[in-house]
Protein backbone atom coordinates (compact mmCIF):
# COMPACT_ATOMS: atom_id res chain seq x y z
CA MET A 1 -10.09 21.50 3.98
CA ASN A 2 -8.01 22.63 1.05
CA PRO A 3 -10.11 23.67 -2.02
CA ILE A 4 -7.86 21.59 -4.27
CA TRP A 5 -8.94 18.45 -2.40
CA LEU A 6 -12.59 19.42 -2.85
CA MET A 7 -12.04 19.78 -6.59
CA ARG A 8 -10.26 16.44 -6.69
CA MET A 9 -13.08 14.73 -4.79
CA SER A 10 -15.74 16.21 -7.09
CA ARG A 11 -13.83 15.06 -10.17
CA TRP A 12 -13.47 11.57 -8.66
CA ALA A 13 -17.22 11.48 -7.85
CA ARG A 14 -18.06 12.34 -11.46
CA ASN A 15 -15.61 9.84 -12.97
CA PRO A 16 -15.18 6.97 -10.50
CA PRO A 17 -12.43 4.41 -11.08
CA SER A 18 -13.25 1.22 -12.93
CA ALA A 19 -13.99 -2.02 -11.11
CA THR A 20 -10.67 -3.43 -12.32
CA ARG A 21 -8.72 -0.58 -10.73
CA VAL A 22 -10.62 -0.95 -7.45
CA LYS A 23 -9.84 -4.69 -7.42
CA LEU A 24 -6.19 -3.95 -8.15
CA VAL A 25 -5.92 -1.50 -5.24
CA PHE A 26 -7.68 -3.86 -2.81
CA GLY A 27 -5.45 -6.71 -4.00
CA ALA A 28 -2.31 -4.67 -3.33
CA ILE A 29 -3.57 -3.73 0.14
CA ILE A 30 -4.41 -7.36 0.96
CA LEU A 31 -0.99 -8.50 -0.27
CA ALA A 32 0.77 -5.90 1.89
CA LEU A 33 -1.28 -6.91 4.94
CA LEU A 34 -0.57 -10.58 4.26
CA ILE A 35 3.19 -9.96 4.09
CA PHE A 36 3.03 -7.86 7.26
CA GLY A 37 1.09 -10.60 9.06
CA ILE A 38 3.52 -13.32 8.00
CA GLU A 39 6.46 -11.22 9.18
CA TRP A 40 4.71 -10.34 12.45
CA MET A 41 3.98 -14.02 13.17
CA GLY A 42 7.67 -14.83 12.63
CA TRP A 43 7.14 -17.00 9.56
CA TRP A 44 9.11 -14.73 7.22
CA PRO A 45 12.25 -16.54 5.96
CA ASP A 46 15.65 -15.25 7.01
CA TRP A 47 16.90 -15.11 3.43
CA ALA A 48 14.21 -12.52 2.62
CA THR A 49 15.16 -10.21 5.50
CA THR A 50 17.64 -7.43 4.93
CA GLU A 51 20.24 -6.46 7.48
CA ARG A 52 20.83 -2.88 8.40
CA VAL A 53 24.26 -1.70 7.41
CA PRO A 54 25.70 0.99 9.68
CA ARG A 55 26.23 4.29 7.92
CA ARG A 56 29.79 5.53 7.82
CA PHE A 57 30.44 9.17 7.14
């Protein structure tokens, strides 16, 4: 393991994030999983889907 990561982990252990930040991160993860699940089930609307445009050089 890189020593920089060890230093980062020790600093994070000494000063953990606030409860609000933890809730924000978990909320963002849940929202992303919810959107992924809706798209995977086929319930995502067509107007919200982008079409791939072929690249022309």
